[in-house]
Amino acid sequence: MGDVAANIKVMPESPEVDLDELQDRLEQSLPEGAKINSVERDDVAFGLVALLPTVIVPDDAGGTEAVEEAFSDVDDVESVSVEEVGRL
């Protein structure tokens, strides 16, 4: 089996959230076997910036649900949504 790459959109609760700290907390929350390959930022509106991590998970891990749940439990995260999933 291979790996799966998922582009995930993480919306912070407010524009005042320190995105570097939020990114660190997201990386620390990852379930075993998952890793963040890269992170982009997307200006949404009114100073709000979303983090767009690309997460690599093993194909046998059952998809991205564990990562979504882990990210949702991080402080200062308003919402988590999977934008795109593909095999590597």
N, C-alpha and C. Protein backbone atom coordinates (compact mmCIF):
# COMPACT_ATOMS: atom_id res chain seq x y z
N MET A 1 0.84 -1.19 0.00
CA MET A 1 0.00 0.00 0.00
C MET A 1 0.88 1.25 0.00
N GLY A 2 0.33 2.33 -0.51
CA GLY A 2 1.07 3.58 -0.59
C GLY A 2 0.61 4.59 0.44
N ASP A 3 0.87 5.82 0.13
CA ASP A 3 0.47 6.93 1.00
C ASP A 3 -0.59 7.76 0.30
N VAL A 4 -1.30 8.52 1.11
CA VAL A 4 -2.33 9.42 0.61
C VAL A 4 -1.95 10.84 1.01
N ALA A 5 -2.07 11.78 0.08
CA ALA A 5 -1.84 13.20 0.36
C ALA A 5 -3.18 13.90 0.41
N ALA A 6 -3.40 14.65 1.48
CA ALA A 6 -4.66 15.38 1.64
C ALA A 6 -4.36 16.86 1.84
N ASN A 7 -5.00 17.70 1.03
CA ASN A 7 -4.94 19.14 1.23
C ASN A 7 -6.09 19.51 2.15
N ILE A 8 -5.75 20.09 3.29
CA ILE A 8 -6.74 20.40 4.32
C ILE A 8 -6.75 21.90 4.56
N LYS A 9 -7.94 22.45 4.75
CA LYS A 9 -8.08 23.88 5.04
C LYS A 9 -8.43 24.02 6.52
N VAL A 10 -7.58 24.74 7.25
CA VAL A 10 -7.78 24.97 8.67
C VAL A 10 -8.05 26.46 8.87
N MET A 11 -9.25 26.75 9.35
CA MET A 11 -9.63 28.15 9.62
C MET A 11 -9.40 28.47 11.09
N PRO A 12 -8.62 29.51 11.38
CA PRO A 12 -8.46 29.93 12.77
C PRO A 12 -9.71 30.66 13.26
N GLU A 13 -9.85 30.75 14.59
CA GLU A 13 -11.02 31.39 15.18
C GLU A 13 -11.10 32.88 14.90
N SER A 14 -9.93 33.54 14.76
CA SER A 14 -9.94 34.98 14.52
C SER A 14 -8.65 35.41 13.82
N PRO A 15 -8.63 36.62 13.28
CA PRO A 15 -7.41 37.12 12.63
C PRO A 15 -6.26 37.34 13.62
N GLU A 16 -6.55 37.38 14.91
CA GLU A 16 -5.51 37.62 15.92
C GLU A 16 -4.71 36.37 16.26
N VAL A 17 -5.12 35.21 15.79
CA VAL A 17 -4.42 33.96 16.10
C VAL A 17 -3.03 33.97 15.46
N ASP A 18 -2.00 33.63 16.23
CA ASP A 18 -0.64 33.54 15.72
C ASP A 18 -0.55 32.28 14.86
N LEU A 19 -0.41 32.45 13.55
CA LEU A 19 -0.43 31.32 12.62
C LEU A 19 0.78 30.41 12.76
N ASP A 20 1.93 30.95 13.14
CA ASP A 20 3.11 30.11 13.33
C ASP A 20 2.90 29.17 14.52
N GLU A 21 2.35 29.70 15.62
CA GLU A 21 2.05 28.87 16.78
C GLU A 21 0.97 27.84 16.46
N LEU A 22 -0.04 28.26 15.73
CA LEU A 22 -1.11 27.35 15.34
C LEU A 22 -0.55 26.22 14.49
N GLN A 23 0.32 26.54 13.56
CA GLN A 23 0.94 25.52 12.71
C GLN A 23 1.72 24.52 13.56
N ASP A 24 2.46 25.01 14.56
CA ASP A 24 3.21 24.12 15.45
C ASP A 24 2.27 23.19 16.21
N ARG A 25 1.16 23.73 16.71
CA ARG A 25 0.20 22.91 17.46
C ARG A 25 -0.45 21.86 16.55
N LEU A 26 -0.71 22.22 15.29
CA LEU A 26 -1.27 21.25 14.34
C LEU A 26 -0.29 20.10 14.12
N GLU A 27 0.99 20.43 13.93
CA GLU A 27 2.01 19.39 13.72
C GLU A 27 2.11 18.47 14.93
N GLN A 28 2.03 19.03 16.13
CA GLN A 28 2.12 18.22 17.35
C GLN A 28 0.90 17.34 17.56
N SER A 29 -0.24 17.71 16.98
CA SER A 29 -1.47 16.96 17.20
C SER A 29 -1.64 15.78 16.24
N LEU A 30 -0.78 15.68 15.24
CA LEU A 30 -0.94 14.64 14.22
C LEU A 30 -0.93 13.24 14.82
N PRO A 31 -1.80 12.37 14.32
CA PRO A 31 -1.77 10.97 14.77
C PRO A 31 -0.50 10.28 14.26
N GLU A 32 -0.15 9.18 14.87
CA GLU A 32 1.05 8.44 14.50
C GLU A 32 0.98 8.02 13.03
N GLY A 33 2.09 8.19 12.33
CA GLY A 33 2.16 7.81 10.93
C GLY A 33 1.85 8.94 9.96
N ALA A 34 1.21 10.00 10.44
CA ALA A 34 0.87 11.14 9.58
C ALA A 34 1.94 12.21 9.72
N LYS A 35 2.15 12.96 8.64
CA LYS A 35 3.11 14.06 8.69
C LYS A 35 2.65 15.18 7.77
N ILE A 36 3.04 16.39 8.10
CA ILE A 36 2.74 17.54 7.26
C ILE A 36 3.89 17.71 6.27
N ASN A 37 3.56 17.70 4.99
CA ASN A 37 4.55 17.83 3.94
C ASN A 37 4.87 19.31 3.67
N SER A 38 3.83 20.14 3.63
CA SER A 38 4.01 21.57 3.39
C SER A 38 2.78 22.31 3.92
N VAL A 39 2.94 23.61 4.12
CA VAL A 39 1.82 24.44 4.57
C VAL A 39 1.81 25.73 3.77
N GLU A 40 0.67 26.02 3.20
CA GLU A 40 0.48 27.30 2.51
C GLU A 40 -0.50 28.14 3.32
N ARG A 41 -0.58 29.40 2.99
CA ARG A 41 -1.53 30.29 3.66
C ARG A 41 -2.41 30.95 2.61
N ASP A 42 -3.69 31.11 2.96
CA ASP A 42 -4.66 31.68 2.02
C ASP A 42 -5.39 32.83 2.69
N ASP A 43 -5.25 34.04 2.14
CA ASP A 43 -6.00 35.19 2.65
C ASP A 43 -7.47 34.97 2.33
N VAL A 44 -8.29 34.91 3.37
CA VAL A 44 -9.70 34.64 3.17
C VAL A 44 -10.48 35.95 3.04
N ALA A 45 -10.54 36.72 4.12
CA ALA A 45 -11.24 38.01 4.11
C ALA A 45 -11.04 38.71 5.44
N PHE A 46 -11.06 40.02 5.42
CA PHE A 46 -11.03 40.85 6.63
C PHE A 46 -9.86 40.49 7.55
N GLY A 47 -8.70 40.19 6.96
CA GLY A 47 -7.52 39.87 7.75
C GLY A 47 -7.42 38.42 8.19
N LEU A 48 -8.42 37.62 7.91
CA LEU A 48 -8.41 36.21 8.29
C LEU A 48 -7.61 35.41 7.27
N VAL A 49 -6.68 34.59 7.77
CA VAL A 49 -5.82 33.79 6.90
C VAL A 49 -5.99 32.32 7.29
N ALA A 50 -6.27 31.48 6.31
CA ALA A 50 -6.41 30.04 6.54
C ALA A 50 -5.07 29.36 6.32
N LEU A 51 -4.82 28.30 7.10
CA LEU A 51 -3.66 27.45 6.86
C LEU A 51 -4.10 26.31 5.96
N LEU A 52 -3.25 25.97 5.00
CA LEU A 52 -3.55 24.90 4.04
C LEU A 52 -2.44 23.85 4.09
N PRO A 53 -2.44 23.01 5.14
CA PRO A 53 -1.41 21.97 5.20
C PRO A 53 -1.70 20.83 4.23
N THR A 54 -0.64 20.29 3.64
CA THR A 54 -0.74 19.05 2.87
C THR A 54 -0.23 17.96 3.80
N VAL A 55 -1.11 17.03 4.14
CA VAL A 55 -0.81 15.99 5.11
C VAL A 55 -0.65 14.66 4.38
N ILE A 56 0.42 13.94 4.72
CA ILE A 56 0.66 12.61 4.17
C ILE A 56 0.28 11.58 5.23
N VAL A 57 -0.62 10.67 4.86
CA VAL A 57 -1.03 9.60 5.77
C VAL A 57 -0.89 8.26 5.05
N PRO A 58 -0.54 7.21 5.79
CA PRO A 58 -0.48 5.89 5.17
C PRO A 58 -1.86 5.48 4.65
N ASP A 59 -1.88 4.81 3.51
CA ASP A 59 -3.14 4.39 2.90
C ASP A 59 -3.95 3.49 3.81
N ASP A 60 -3.27 2.69 4.63
CA ASP A 60 -3.97 1.76 5.52
C ASP A 60 -4.45 2.42 6.82
N ALA A 61 -4.25 3.73 6.95
CA ALA A 61 -4.66 4.43 8.17
C ALA A 61 -6.16 4.73 8.19
N GLY A 62 -6.86 4.44 7.10
CA GLY A 62 -8.31 4.65 7.08
C GLY A 62 -8.73 6.03 6.64
N GLY A 63 -7.90 6.71 5.89
CA GLY A 63 -8.28 8.01 5.38
C GLY A 63 -7.81 9.14 6.27
N THR A 64 -8.50 10.27 6.15
CA THR A 64 -8.05 11.49 6.84
C THR A 64 -8.84 11.80 8.10
N GLU A 65 -9.77 10.94 8.49
CA GLU A 65 -10.62 11.24 9.64
C GLU A 65 -9.84 11.52 10.91
N ALA A 66 -8.81 10.70 11.19
CA ALA A 66 -8.03 10.89 12.42
C ALA A 66 -7.33 12.25 12.41
N VAL A 67 -6.83 12.65 11.25
CA VAL A 67 -6.15 13.94 11.14
C VAL A 67 -7.16 15.08 11.32
N GLU A 68 -8.32 14.96 10.69
CA GLU A 68 -9.36 15.99 10.83
C GLU A 68 -9.78 16.16 12.28
N GLU A 69 -9.98 15.05 12.97
CA GLU A 69 -10.38 15.11 14.38
C GLU A 69 -9.28 15.73 15.23
N ALA A 70 -8.02 15.34 14.97
CA ALA A 70 -6.90 15.90 15.73
C ALA A 70 -6.80 17.41 15.53
N PHE A 71 -6.91 17.85 14.27
CA PHE A 71 -6.84 19.28 13.99
C PHE A 71 -8.01 20.03 14.63
N SER A 72 -9.20 19.45 14.63
CA SER A 72 -10.38 20.09 15.21
C SER A 72 -10.24 20.32 16.70
N ASP A 73 -9.46 19.46 17.37
CA ASP A 73 -9.29 19.56 18.82
C ASP A 73 -8.23 20.57 19.23
N VAL A 74 -7.50 21.14 18.28
CA VAL A 74 -6.45 22.11 18.57
C VAL A 74 -7.08 23.45 18.95
N ASP A 75 -6.54 24.09 19.98
CA ASP A 75 -7.02 25.41 20.39
C ASP A 75 -6.91 26.41 19.24
N ASP A 76 -7.86 27.31 19.14
CA ASP A 76 -7.92 28.40 18.16
C ASP A 76 -8.30 27.94 16.75
N VAL A 77 -8.74 26.69 16.59
CA VAL A 77 -9.19 26.20 15.28
C VAL A 77 -10.71 26.32 15.22
N GLU A 78 -11.20 27.06 14.24
CA GLU A 78 -12.64 27.24 14.04
C GLU A 78 -13.23 26.08 13.25
N SER A 79 -12.55 25.72 12.13
CA SER A 79 -13.08 24.63 11.30
C SER A 79 -11.94 23.95 10.52
N VAL A 80 -12.23 22.71 10.13
CA VAL A 80 -11.29 21.90 9.36
C VAL A 80 -12.06 21.27 8.22
N SER A 81 -11.54 21.39 7.00
CA SER A 81 -12.20 20.75 5.87
C SER A 81 -11.15 20.19 4.91
N VAL A 82 -11.46 19.03 4.35
CA VAL A 82 -10.57 18.41 3.38
C VAL A 82 -10.91 18.99 2.02
N GLU A 83 -9.91 19.55 1.36
CA GLU A 83 -10.12 20.19 0.06
C GLU A 83 -9.85 19.22 -1.08
N GLU A 84 -8.86 18.34 -0.93
CA GLU A 84 -8.48 17.43 -2.01
C GLU A 84 -7.70 16.25 -1.42
N VAL A 85 -7.92 15.06 -1.98
CA VAL A 85 -7.21 13.85 -1.55
C VAL A 85 -6.74 13.11 -2.78
N GLY A 86 -5.51 12.60 -2.71
CA GLY A 86 -4.96 11.82 -3.82
C GLY A 86 -3.91 10.85 -3.34
N ARG A 87 -3.67 9.82 -4.12
CA ARG A 87 -2.63 8.85 -3.80
C ARG A 87 -1.27 9.34 -4.29
N LEU A 88 -0.25 8.92 -3.56
CA LEU A 88 1.12 9.25 -3.98
C LEU A 88 1.72 8.06 -4.72
